[in-house]
All heavy atoms as atom14 arrays in JSON, in Angstrom:
{
  "sequence": "AAFDCDEPEMDRVVAVERKPNDPDLWQDNNVELFLNLSGNRKEYWHIA",
  "atom14_mask": [
    [1, 1, 1, 1, 1, 0, 0, 0, 0, 0, 0, 0, 0, 0],
    [1, 1, 1, 1, 1, 0, 0, 0, 0, 0, 0, 0, 0, 0],
    [1, 1, 1, 1, 1, 1, 1, 1, 1, 1, 1, 0, 0, 0],
    [1, 1, 1, 1, 1, 1, 1, 1, 0, 0, 0, 0, 0, 0],
    [1, 1, 1, 1, 1, 1, 0, 0, 0, 0, 0, 0, 0, 0],
    [1, 1, 1, 1, 1, 1, 1, 1, 0, 0, 0, 0, 0, 0],
    [1, 1, 1, 1, 1, 1, 1, 1, 1, 0, 0, 0, 0, 0],
    [1, 1, 1, 1, 1, 1, 1, 0, 0, 0, 0, 0, 0, 0],
    [1, 1, 1, 1, 1, 1, 1, 1, 1, 0, 0, 0, 0, 0],
    [1, 1, 1, 1, 1, 1, 1, 1, 0, 0, 0, 0, 0, 0],
    [1, 1, 1, 1, 1, 1, 1, 1, 0, 0, 0, 0, 0, 0],
    [1, 1, 1, 1, 1, 1, 1, 1, 1, 1, 1, 0, 0, 0],
    [1, 1, 1, 1, 1, 1, 1, 0, 0, 0, 0, 0, 0, 0],
    [1, 1, 1, 1, 1, 1, 1, 0, 0, 0, 0, 0, 0, 0],
    [1, 1, 1, 1, 1, 0, 0, 0, 0, 0, 0, 0, 0, 0],
    [1, 1, 1, 1, 1, 1, 1, 0, 0, 0, 0, 0, 0, 0],
    [1, 1, 1, 1, 1, 1, 1, 1, 1, 0, 0, 0, 0, 0],
    [1, 1, 1, 1, 1, 1, 1, 1, 1, 1, 1, 0, 0, 0],
    [1, 1, 1, 1, 1, 1, 1, 1, 1, 0, 0, 0, 0, 0],
    [1, 1, 1, 1, 1, 1, 1, 0, 0, 0, 0, 0, 0, 0],
    [1, 1, 1, 1, 1, 1, 1, 1, 0, 0, 0, 0, 0, 0],
    [1, 1, 1, 1, 1, 1, 1, 1, 0, 0, 0, 0, 0, 0],
    [1, 1, 1, 1, 1, 1, 1, 0, 0, 0, 0, 0, 0, 0],
    [1, 1, 1, 1, 1, 1, 1, 1, 0, 0, 0, 0, 0, 0],
    [1, 1, 1, 1, 1, 1, 1, 1, 0, 0, 0, 0, 0, 0],
    [1, 1, 1, 1, 1, 1, 1, 1, 1, 1, 1, 1, 1, 1],
    [1, 1, 1, 1, 1, 1, 1, 1, 1, 0, 0, 0, 0, 0],
    [1, 1, 1, 1, 1, 1, 1, 1, 0, 0, 0, 0, 0, 0],
    [1, 1, 1, 1, 1, 1, 1, 1, 0, 0, 0, 0, 0, 0],
    [1, 1, 1, 1, 1, 1, 1, 1, 0, 0, 0, 0, 0, 0],
    [1, 1, 1, 1, 1, 1, 1, 0, 0, 0, 0, 0, 0, 0],
    [1, 1, 1, 1, 1, 1, 1, 1, 1, 0, 0, 0, 0, 0],
    [1, 1, 1, 1, 1, 1, 1, 1, 0, 0, 0, 0, 0, 0],
    [1, 1, 1, 1, 1, 1, 1, 1, 1, 1, 1, 0, 0, 0],
    [1, 1, 1, 1, 1, 1, 1, 1, 0, 0, 0, 0, 0, 0],
    [1, 1, 1, 1, 1, 1, 1, 1, 0, 0, 0, 0, 0, 0],
    [1, 1, 1, 1, 1, 1, 1, 1, 0, 0, 0, 0, 0, 0],
    [1, 1, 1, 1, 1, 1, 0, 0, 0, 0, 0, 0, 0, 0],
    [1, 1, 1, 1, 0, 0, 0, 0, 0, 0, 0, 0, 0, 0],
    [1, 1, 1, 1, 1, 1, 1, 1, 0, 0, 0, 0, 0, 0],
    [1, 1, 1, 1, 1, 1, 1, 1, 1, 1, 1, 0, 0, 0],
    [1, 1, 1, 1, 1, 1, 1, 1, 1, 0, 0, 0, 0, 0],
    [1, 1, 1, 1, 1, 1, 1, 1, 1, 0, 0, 0, 0, 0],
    [1, 1, 1, 1, 1, 1, 1, 1, 1, 1, 1, 1, 0, 0],
    [1, 1, 1, 1, 1, 1, 1, 1, 1, 1, 1, 1, 1, 1],
    [1, 1, 1, 1, 1, 1, 1, 1, 1, 1, 0, 0, 0, 0],
    [1, 1, 1, 1, 1, 1, 1, 1, 0, 0, 0, 0, 0, 0],
    [1, 1, 1, 1, 1, 0, 0, 0, 0, 0, 0, 0, 0, 0]
  ],
  "atom14_positions": [
    [[50.65, 3.45, -15.88], [50.55, 3.74, -17.31], [50.42, 5.25, -17.48], [49.68, 5.9, -16.73], [49.34, 3.04, -17.93], [0.0, 0.0, 0.0], [0.0, 0.0, 0.0], [0.0, 0.0, 0.0], [0.0, 0.0, 0.0], [0.0, 0.0, 0.0], [0.0, 0.0, 0.0], [0.0, 0.0, 0.0], [0.0, 0.0, 0.0], [0.0, 0.0, 0.0]],
    [[51.16, 5.79, -18.42], [51.13, 7.23, -18.68], [50.84, 7.48, -20.15], [51.57, 7.0, -21.02], [52.46, 7.87, -18.28], [0.0, 0.0, 0.0], [0.0, 0.0, 0.0], [0.0, 0.0, 0.0], [0.0, 0.0, 0.0], [0.0, 0.0, 0.0], [0.0, 0.0, 0.0], [0.0, 0.0, 0.0], [0.0, 0.0, 0.0], [0.0, 0.0, 0.0]],
    [[49.76, 8.21, -20.41], [49.4, 8.63, -21.77], [49.82, 10.08, -21.97], [49.6, 10.92, -21.08], [47.9, 8.52, -22.0], [47.36, 7.13, -22.13], [47.16, 6.33, -21.02], [47.04, 6.61, -23.38], [46.64, 5.05, -21.13], [46.52, 5.33, -23.51], [46.32, 4.54, -22.38], [0.0, 0.0, 0.0], [0.0, 0.0, 0.0], [0.0, 0.0, 0.0]],
    [[50.36, 10.38, -23.13], [50.69, 11.76, -23.5], [50.0, 12.03, -24.84], [50.33, 11.41, -25.85], [52.2, 11.94, -23.62], [52.6, 13.4, -23.76], [51.72, 14.25, -24.0], [53.8, 13.71, -23.62], [0.0, 0.0, 0.0], [0.0, 0.0, 0.0], [0.0, 0.0, 0.0], [0.0, 0.0, 0.0], [0.0, 0.0, 0.0], [0.0, 0.0, 0.0]],
    [[49.03, 12.94, -24.83], [48.14, 13.13, -25.98], [48.28, 14.55, -26.53], [47.97, 15.53, -25.83], [46.68, 12.91, -25.56], [46.36, 11.33, -24.75], [0.0, 0.0, 0.0], [0.0, 0.0, 0.0], [0.0, 0.0, 0.0], [0.0, 0.0, 0.0], [0.0, 0.0, 0.0], [0.0, 0.0, 0.0], [0.0, 0.0, 0.0], [0.0, 0.0, 0.0]],
    [[48.73, 14.66, -27.76], [48.72, 15.97, -28.42], [47.27, 16.37, -28.69], [46.46, 15.56, -29.15], [49.48, 15.9, -29.75], [50.98, 16.01, -29.58], [51.44, 16.05, -28.42], [51.69, 16.01, -30.6], [0.0, 0.0, 0.0], [0.0, 0.0, 0.0], [0.0, 0.0, 0.0], [0.0, 0.0, 0.0], [0.0, 0.0, 0.0], [0.0, 0.0, 0.0]],
    [[46.95, 17.62, -28.41], [45.62, 18.15, -28.71], [45.7, 19.68, -28.72], [45.65, 20.33, -27.67], [44.6, 17.68, -27.68], [43.19, 18.22, -27.91], [42.75, 18.06, -29.35], [42.43, 16.93, -29.75], [42.75, 19.07, -30.09], [0.0, 0.0, 0.0], [0.0, 0.0, 0.0], [0.0, 0.0, 0.0], [0.0, 0.0, 0.0], [0.0, 0.0, 0.0]],
    [[45.84, 20.28, -29.9], [45.97, 21.74, -29.98], [44.67, 22.49, -29.73], [44.69, 23.72, -29.6], [46.46, 21.97, -31.42], [45.94, 20.79, -32.17], [45.97, 19.64, -31.22], [0.0, 0.0, 0.0], [0.0, 0.0, 0.0], [0.0, 0.0, 0.0], [0.0, 0.0, 0.0], [0.0, 0.0, 0.0], [0.0, 0.0, 0.0], [0.0, 0.0, 0.0]],
    [[43.54, 21.75, -29.65], [42.24, 22.41, -29.47], [41.53, 21.85, -28.24], [40.4, 21.36, -28.31], [41.37, 22.21, -30.71], [42.0, 22.78, -31.98], [41.16, 22.48, -33.22], [40.72, 21.33, -33.39], [40.94, 23.43, -34.01], [0.0, 0.0, 0.0], [0.0, 0.0, 0.0], [0.0, 0.0, 0.0], [0.0, 0.0, 0.0], [0.0, 0.0, 0.0]],
    [[42.18, 21.93, -27.1], [41.6, 21.37, -25.87], [40.26, 22.01, -25.52], [39.39, 21.36, -24.92], [42.57, 21.53, -24.7], [43.68, 20.51, -24.66], [43.09, 18.81, -24.47], [42.38, 18.85, -22.83], [0.0, 0.0, 0.0], [0.0, 0.0, 0.0], [0.0, 0.0, 0.0], [0.0, 0.0, 0.0], [0.0, 0.0, 0.0], [0.0, 0.0, 0.0]],
    [[40.06, 23.26, -25.9], [38.8, 23.92, -25.58], [37.64, 23.4, -26.43], [36.47, 23.7, -26.13], [38.93, 25.44, -25.79], [39.89, 26.07, -24.78], [40.11, 25.45, -23.71], [40.42, 27.15, -25.08], [0.0, 0.0, 0.0], [0.0, 0.0, 0.0], [0.0, 0.0, 0.0], [0.0, 0.0, 0.0], [0.0, 0.0, 0.0], [0.0, 0.0, 0.0]],
    [[37.93, 22.6, -27.45], [36.87, 22.06, -28.3], [36.51, 20.62, -27.97], [35.5, 20.12, -28.46], [37.29, 22.14, -29.78], [37.32, 23.55, -30.36], [37.6, 23.48, -31.86], [36.63, 22.61, -32.53], [36.9, 21.91, -33.63], [38.1, 21.93, -34.15], [35.96, 21.16, -34.18], [0.0, 0.0, 0.0], [0.0, 0.0, 0.0], [0.0, 0.0, 0.0]],
    [[37.33, 19.94, -27.17], [37.05, 18.53, -26.92], [35.82, 18.38, -26.02], [35.5, 19.27, -25.23], [38.26, 17.81, -26.28], [39.47, 17.89, -27.19], [38.58, 18.35, -24.9], [0.0, 0.0, 0.0], [0.0, 0.0, 0.0], [0.0, 0.0, 0.0], [0.0, 0.0, 0.0], [0.0, 0.0, 0.0], [0.0, 0.0, 0.0], [0.0, 0.0, 0.0]],
    [[35.16, 17.24, -26.17], [33.94, 16.96, -25.41], [34.28, 15.99, -24.29], [34.68, 14.85, -24.53], [32.86, 16.34, -26.32], [31.62, 16.0, -25.5], [32.52, 17.29, -27.46], [0.0, 0.0, 0.0], [0.0, 0.0, 0.0], [0.0, 0.0, 0.0], [0.0, 0.0, 0.0], [0.0, 0.0, 0.0], [0.0, 0.0, 0.0], [0.0, 0.0, 0.0]],
    [[34.15, 16.46, -23.05], [34.36, 15.61, -21.88], [33.7, 16.3, -20.69], [33.79, 17.52, -20.54], [35.85, 15.4, -21.6], [0.0, 0.0, 0.0], [0.0, 0.0, 0.0], [0.0, 0.0, 0.0], [0.0, 0.0, 0.0], [0.0, 0.0, 0.0], [0.0, 0.0, 0.0], [0.0, 0.0, 0.0], [0.0, 0.0, 0.0], [0.0, 0.0, 0.0]],
    [[33.02, 15.52, -19.87], [32.35, 16.08, -18.69], [32.77, 15.28, -17.46], [33.21, 14.13, -17.55], [30.81, 16.03, -18.84], [30.38, 16.86, -20.03], [30.32, 14.6, -19.0], [0.0, 0.0, 0.0], [0.0, 0.0, 0.0], [0.0, 0.0, 0.0], [0.0, 0.0, 0.0], [0.0, 0.0, 0.0], [0.0, 0.0, 0.0], [0.0, 0.0, 0.0]],
    [[32.65, 15.9, -16.31], [32.91, 15.19, -15.06], [31.77, 14.22, -14.8], [30.6, 14.61, -14.81], [33.06, 16.18, -13.91], [34.3, 17.06, -14.03], [34.47, 17.97, -12.83], [33.72, 17.81, -11.85], [35.36, 18.85, -12.89], [0.0, 0.0, 0.0], [0.0, 0.0, 0.0], [0.0, 0.0, 0.0], [0.0, 0.0, 0.0], [0.0, 0.0, 0.0]],
    [[32.12, 12.95, -14.57], [31.1, 11.91, -14.42], [31.31, 11.14, -13.13], [32.39, 11.13, -12.55], [31.18, 10.93, -15.6], [30.92, 11.56, -16.96], [31.0, 10.51, -18.07], [30.79, 11.08, -19.4], [29.6, 11.24, -19.96], [28.5, 10.88, -19.3], [29.47, 11.77, -21.18], [0.0, 0.0, 0.0], [0.0, 0.0, 0.0], [0.0, 0.0, 0.0]],
    [[30.25, 10.48, -12.7], [30.35, 9.58, -11.57], [31.16, 8.36, -11.99], [31.23, 8.02, -13.18], [28.97, 9.15, -11.08], [28.13, 10.28, -10.52], [26.76, 9.76, -10.06], [25.92, 10.89, -9.48], [24.57, 10.41, -9.06], [0.0, 0.0, 0.0], [0.0, 0.0, 0.0], [0.0, 0.0, 0.0], [0.0, 0.0, 0.0], [0.0, 0.0, 0.0]],
    [[31.79, 7.66, -11.03], [32.52, 6.43, -11.38], [31.63, 5.44, -12.12], [30.46, 5.28, -11.8], [32.97, 5.88, -10.03], [33.03, 7.08, -9.13], [31.92, 7.97, -9.58], [0.0, 0.0, 0.0], [0.0, 0.0, 0.0], [0.0, 0.0, 0.0], [0.0, 0.0, 0.0], [0.0, 0.0, 0.0], [0.0, 0.0, 0.0], [0.0, 0.0, 0.0]],
    [[32.2, 4.81, -13.12], [31.54, 3.77, -13.91], [30.32, 4.28, -14.69], [29.37, 3.54, -14.93], [31.13, 2.58, -13.03], [32.31, 1.72, -12.65], [33.35, 1.75, -13.3], [32.17, 0.94, -11.58], [0.0, 0.0, 0.0], [0.0, 0.0, 0.0], [0.0, 0.0, 0.0], [0.0, 0.0, 0.0], [0.0, 0.0, 0.0], [0.0, 0.0, 0.0]],
    [[30.37, 5.53, -15.1], [29.33, 6.04, -16.0], [29.52, 5.36, -17.36], [30.57, 5.52, -18.0], [29.45, 7.56, -16.14], [28.31, 8.17, -16.93], [27.81, 7.53, -17.87], [27.9, 9.31, -16.61], [0.0, 0.0, 0.0], [0.0, 0.0, 0.0], [0.0, 0.0, 0.0], [0.0, 0.0, 0.0], [0.0, 0.0, 0.0], [0.0, 0.0, 0.0]],
    [[28.53, 4.61, -17.85], [28.72, 3.87, -19.09], [28.86, 4.74, -20.33], [29.27, 4.26, -21.39], [27.46, 3.0, -19.18], [26.43, 3.71, -18.36], [27.2, 4.36, -17.24], [0.0, 0.0, 0.0], [0.0, 0.0, 0.0], [0.0, 0.0, 0.0], [0.0, 0.0, 0.0], [0.0, 0.0, 0.0], [0.0, 0.0, 0.0], [0.0, 0.0, 0.0]],
    [[28.52, 6.04, -20.21], [28.63, 6.93, -21.36], [30.01, 7.58, -21.49], [30.23, 8.38, -22.39], [27.57, 8.02, -21.28], [26.16, 7.48, -21.47], [26.02, 6.47, -22.19], [25.22, 8.05, -20.9], [0.0, 0.0, 0.0], [0.0, 0.0, 0.0], [0.0, 0.0, 0.0], [0.0, 0.0, 0.0], [0.0, 0.0, 0.0], [0.0, 0.0, 0.0]],
    [[30.93, 7.22, -20.6], [32.25, 7.85, -20.63], [32.97, 7.6, -21.95], [33.76, 8.42, -22.39], [33.09, 7.33, -19.45], [34.47, 7.96, -19.27], [34.79, 8.09, -17.78], [35.57, 7.13, -19.94], [0.0, 0.0, 0.0], [0.0, 0.0, 0.0], [0.0, 0.0, 0.0], [0.0, 0.0, 0.0], [0.0, 0.0, 0.0], [0.0, 0.0, 0.0]],
    [[32.68, 6.46, -22.59], [33.36, 6.14, -23.85], [33.1, 7.18, -24.93], [33.86, 7.29, -25.91], [32.92, 4.76, -24.35], [31.49, 4.71, -24.81], [30.39, 4.44, -24.07], [31.02, 4.95, -26.15], [29.24, 4.49, -24.83], [29.6, 4.81, -26.11], [31.63, 5.26, -27.36], [28.81, 4.97, -27.25], [30.84, 5.43, -28.49], [29.45, 5.28, -28.43]],
    [[32.02, 7.98, -24.77], [31.71, 9.01, -25.76], [32.55, 10.27, -25.57], [32.55, 11.15, -26.42], [30.23, 9.38, -25.67], [29.29, 8.21, -25.91], [27.83, 8.62, -25.78], [27.33, 9.42, -26.57], [27.15, 8.07, -24.79], [0.0, 0.0, 0.0], [0.0, 0.0, 0.0], [0.0, 0.0, 0.0], [0.0, 0.0, 0.0], [0.0, 0.0, 0.0]],
    [[33.26, 10.35, -24.44], [34.08, 11.52, -24.14], [35.45, 11.43, -24.79], [35.86, 10.4, -25.32], [34.26, 11.65, -22.62], [32.99, 12.04, -21.9], [32.01, 12.42, -22.57], [32.97, 11.96, -20.65], [0.0, 0.0, 0.0], [0.0, 0.0, 0.0], [0.0, 0.0, 0.0], [0.0, 0.0, 0.0], [0.0, 0.0, 0.0], [0.0, 0.0, 0.0]],
    [[36.17, 12.53, -24.68], [37.6, 12.57, -25.0], [38.31, 11.7, -23.96], [38.33, 12.04, -22.78], [38.06, 14.02, -24.92], [39.41, 14.26, -25.52], [39.63, 14.0, -26.7], [40.34, 14.75, -24.72], [0.0, 0.0, 0.0], [0.0, 0.0, 0.0], [0.0, 0.0, 0.0], [0.0, 0.0, 0.0], [0.0, 0.0, 0.0], [0.0, 0.0, 0.0]],
    [[38.87, 10.55, -24.37], [39.34, 9.61, -23.35], [40.51, 8.76, -23.83], [40.83, 8.73, -25.03], [38.19, 8.69, -22.9], [37.79, 7.68, -23.95], [38.46, 6.67, -24.16], [36.67, 7.94, -24.65], [0.0, 0.0, 0.0], [0.0, 0.0, 0.0], [0.0, 0.0, 0.0], [0.0, 0.0, 0.0], [0.0, 0.0, 0.0], [0.0, 0.0, 0.0]],
    [[41.12, 8.06, -22.87], [42.13, 7.04, -23.16], [41.71, 5.76, -22.44], [41.0, 5.8, -21.42], [43.54, 7.47, -22.72], [44.05, 8.6, -23.6], [43.57, 7.88, -21.26], [0.0, 0.0, 0.0], [0.0, 0.0, 0.0], [0.0, 0.0, 0.0], [0.0, 0.0, 0.0], [0.0, 0.0, 0.0], [0.0, 0.0, 0.0], [0.0, 0.0, 0.0]],
    [[42.14, 4.6, -22.97], [41.7, 3.32, -22.43], [42.85, 2.31, -22.39], [43.73, 2.33, -23.27], [40.57, 2.74, -23.28], [39.32, 3.6, -23.32], [38.33, 3.12, -24.37], [38.47, 3.54, -25.53], [37.44, 2.32, -24.03], [0.0, 0.0, 0.0], [0.0, 0.0, 0.0], [0.0, 0.0, 0.0], [0.0, 0.0, 0.0], [0.0, 0.0, 0.0]],
    [[42.8, 1.43, -21.38], [43.7, 0.29, -21.29], [42.88, -0.98, -21.35], [41.83, -1.07, -20.71], [44.51, 0.31, -19.99], [45.42, 1.5, -19.7], [44.68, 2.53, -18.88], [46.66, 1.04, -18.95], [0.0, 0.0, 0.0], [0.0, 0.0, 0.0], [0.0, 0.0, 0.0], [0.0, 0.0, 0.0], [0.0, 0.0, 0.0], [0.0, 0.0, 0.0]],
    [[43.38, -1.97, -22.08], [42.78, -3.3, -22.14], [43.87, -4.28, -21.7], [44.88, -4.43, -22.39], [42.3, -3.6, -23.55], [41.24, -2.67, -24.06], [41.57, -1.41, -24.57], [39.9, -3.04, -24.02], [40.59, -0.55, -25.04], [38.9, -2.18, -24.49], [39.25, -0.94, -24.99], [0.0, 0.0, 0.0], [0.0, 0.0, 0.0], [0.0, 0.0, 0.0]],
    [[43.68, -4.93, -20.55], [44.73, -5.75, -19.95], [44.26, -7.19, -19.78], [43.36, -7.46, -18.98], [45.13, -5.17, -18.58], [45.51, -3.69, -18.55], [45.77, -3.26, -17.1], [46.73, -3.43, -19.42], [0.0, 0.0, 0.0], [0.0, 0.0, 0.0], [0.0, 0.0, 0.0], [0.0, 0.0, 0.0], [0.0, 0.0, 0.0], [0.0, 0.0, 0.0]],
    [[44.87, -8.09, -20.52], [44.6, -9.53, -20.38], [45.81, -10.14, -19.66], [46.8, -10.49, -20.28], [44.37, -10.16, -21.75], [44.37, -11.67, -21.73], [45.06, -12.3, -22.52], [43.64, -12.28, -20.82], [0.0, 0.0, 0.0], [0.0, 0.0, 0.0], [0.0, 0.0, 0.0], [0.0, 0.0, 0.0], [0.0, 0.0, 0.0], [0.0, 0.0, 0.0]],
    [[45.71, -10.25, -18.33], [46.87, -10.63, -17.53], [47.23, -12.09, -17.65], [48.39, -12.47, -17.51], [46.61, -10.27, -16.07], [46.44, -8.76, -15.81], [45.88, -8.51, -14.44], [47.76, -8.04, -15.97], [0.0, 0.0, 0.0], [0.0, 0.0, 0.0], [0.0, 0.0, 0.0], [0.0, 0.0, 0.0], [0.0, 0.0, 0.0], [0.0, 0.0, 0.0]],
    [[46.25, -12.96, -17.9], [46.53, -14.39, -17.96], [47.17, -14.8, -19.27], [47.77, -15.87, -19.37], [45.24, -15.19, -17.75], [44.38, -15.03, -18.88], [0.0, 0.0, 0.0], [0.0, 0.0, 0.0], [0.0, 0.0, 0.0], [0.0, 0.0, 0.0], [0.0, 0.0, 0.0], [0.0, 0.0, 0.0], [0.0, 0.0, 0.0], [0.0, 0.0, 0.0]],
    [[47.03, -13.96, -20.31], [47.56, -14.32, -21.61], [46.68, -15.27, -22.4], [47.06, -15.71, -23.48], [0.0, 0.0, 0.0], [0.0, 0.0, 0.0], [0.0, 0.0, 0.0], [0.0, 0.0, 0.0], [0.0, 0.0, 0.0], [0.0, 0.0, 0.0], [0.0, 0.0, 0.0], [0.0, 0.0, 0.0], [0.0, 0.0, 0.0], [0.0, 0.0, 0.0]],
    [[45.47, -15.56, -21.88], [44.59, -16.49, -22.61], [43.77, -15.8, -23.7], [43.03, -16.44, -24.43], [43.66, -17.22, -21.64], [42.64, -16.3, -20.97], [42.63, -15.08, -21.18], [41.79, -16.86, -20.13], [0.0, 0.0, 0.0], [0.0, 0.0, 0.0], [0.0, 0.0, 0.0], [0.0, 0.0, 0.0], [0.0, 0.0, 0.0], [0.0, 0.0, 0.0]],
    [[43.88, -14.47, -23.77], [43.17, -13.67, -24.77], [41.65, -13.88, -24.69], [40.96, -13.85, -25.7], [43.7, -13.94, -26.18], [45.18, -13.58, -26.31], [45.72, -13.76, -27.71], [47.14, -13.41, -27.76], [47.63, -12.2, -28.03], [46.79, -11.21, -28.29], [48.93, -11.98, -28.04], [0.0, 0.0, 0.0], [0.0, 0.0, 0.0], [0.0, 0.0, 0.0]],
    [[41.17, -14.05, -23.48], [39.73, -14.22, -23.23], [39.24, -13.17, -22.24], [38.45, -12.3, -22.56], [39.46, -15.63, -22.7], [39.51, -16.72, -23.74], [38.26, -16.72, -24.6], [38.2, -17.92, -25.52], [37.01, -17.89, -26.38], [0.0, 0.0, 0.0], [0.0, 0.0, 0.0], [0.0, 0.0, 0.0], [0.0, 0.0, 0.0], [0.0, 0.0, 0.0]],
    [[39.67, -13.32, -20.96], [39.23, -12.38, -19.91], [40.19, -11.19, -19.88], [41.41, -11.37, -19.98], [39.21, -13.05, -18.54], [38.24, -14.21, -18.42], [38.85, -15.54, -18.84], [40.08, -15.6, -19.02], [38.09, -16.51, -19.0], [0.0, 0.0, 0.0], [0.0, 0.0, 0.0], [0.0, 0.0, 0.0], [0.0, 0.0, 0.0], [0.0, 0.0, 0.0]],
    [[39.63, -9.99, -19.73], [40.5, -8.82, -19.7], [39.82, -7.69, -18.93], [38.6, -7.66, -18.77], [40.84, -8.36, -21.12], [39.65, -8.04, -22.0], [39.19, -6.74, -22.17], [38.97, -9.06, -22.67], [38.1, -6.46, -22.98], [37.88, -8.78, -23.49], [37.45, -7.48, -23.64], [36.36, -7.19, -24.43], [0.0, 0.0, 0.0], [0.0, 0.0, 0.0]],
    [[40.64, -6.78, -18.43], [40.17, -5.59, -17.75], [40.12, -4.44, -18.75], [41.04, -4.25, -19.54], [41.11, -5.23, -16.6], [41.15, -6.25, -15.52], [42.05, -7.28, -15.39], [40.25, -6.37, -14.41], [41.75, -8.04, -14.29], [40.66, -7.5, -13.67], [39.14, -5.66, -14.0], [40.0, -7.91, -12.52], [38.47, -6.06, -12.86], [38.9, -7.17, -12.14]],
    [[39.03, -3.69, -18.71], [38.84, -2.53, -19.57], [38.78, -1.31, -18.65], [37.85, -1.16, -17.87], [37.53, -2.69, -20.36], [37.19, -1.51, -21.21], [35.9, -1.27, -21.66], [37.95, -0.5, -21.71], [35.9, -0.18, -22.4], [37.13, 0.31, -22.44], [0.0, 0.0, 0.0], [0.0, 0.0, 0.0], [0.0, 0.0, 0.0], [0.0, 0.0, 0.0]],
    [[39.8, -0.48, -18.74], [39.96, 0.67, -17.83], [40.04, 1.93, -18.67], [40.82, 1.99, -19.64], [41.23, 0.51, -16.97], [41.17, -0.81, -16.18], [41.4, 1.7, -16.04], [42.47, -1.17, -15.49], [0.0, 0.0, 0.0], [0.0, 0.0, 0.0], [0.0, 0.0, 0.0], [0.0, 0.0, 0.0], [0.0, 0.0, 0.0], [0.0, 0.0, 0.0]],
    [[39.26, 2.94, -18.32], [39.22, 4.16, -19.13], [39.15, 5.38, -18.23], [38.66, 5.34, -17.11], [38.01, 4.14, -20.06], [0.0, 0.0, 0.0], [0.0, 0.0, 0.0], [0.0, 0.0, 0.0], [0.0, 0.0, 0.0], [0.0, 0.0, 0.0], [0.0, 0.0, 0.0], [0.0, 0.0, 0.0], [0.0, 0.0, 0.0], [0.0, 0.0, 0.0]]
  ]
}
């Protein structure tokens, strides 16, 4: 998966280097994938 994000003010965005699976990452400048592979619309992977 490839994200291409316009952002003319990269020096203003909030993001820090974090350890894997830091639960506060969602507060950063980020992109996310939600993948329900079975198609049952129940279980899914949340990757950010």
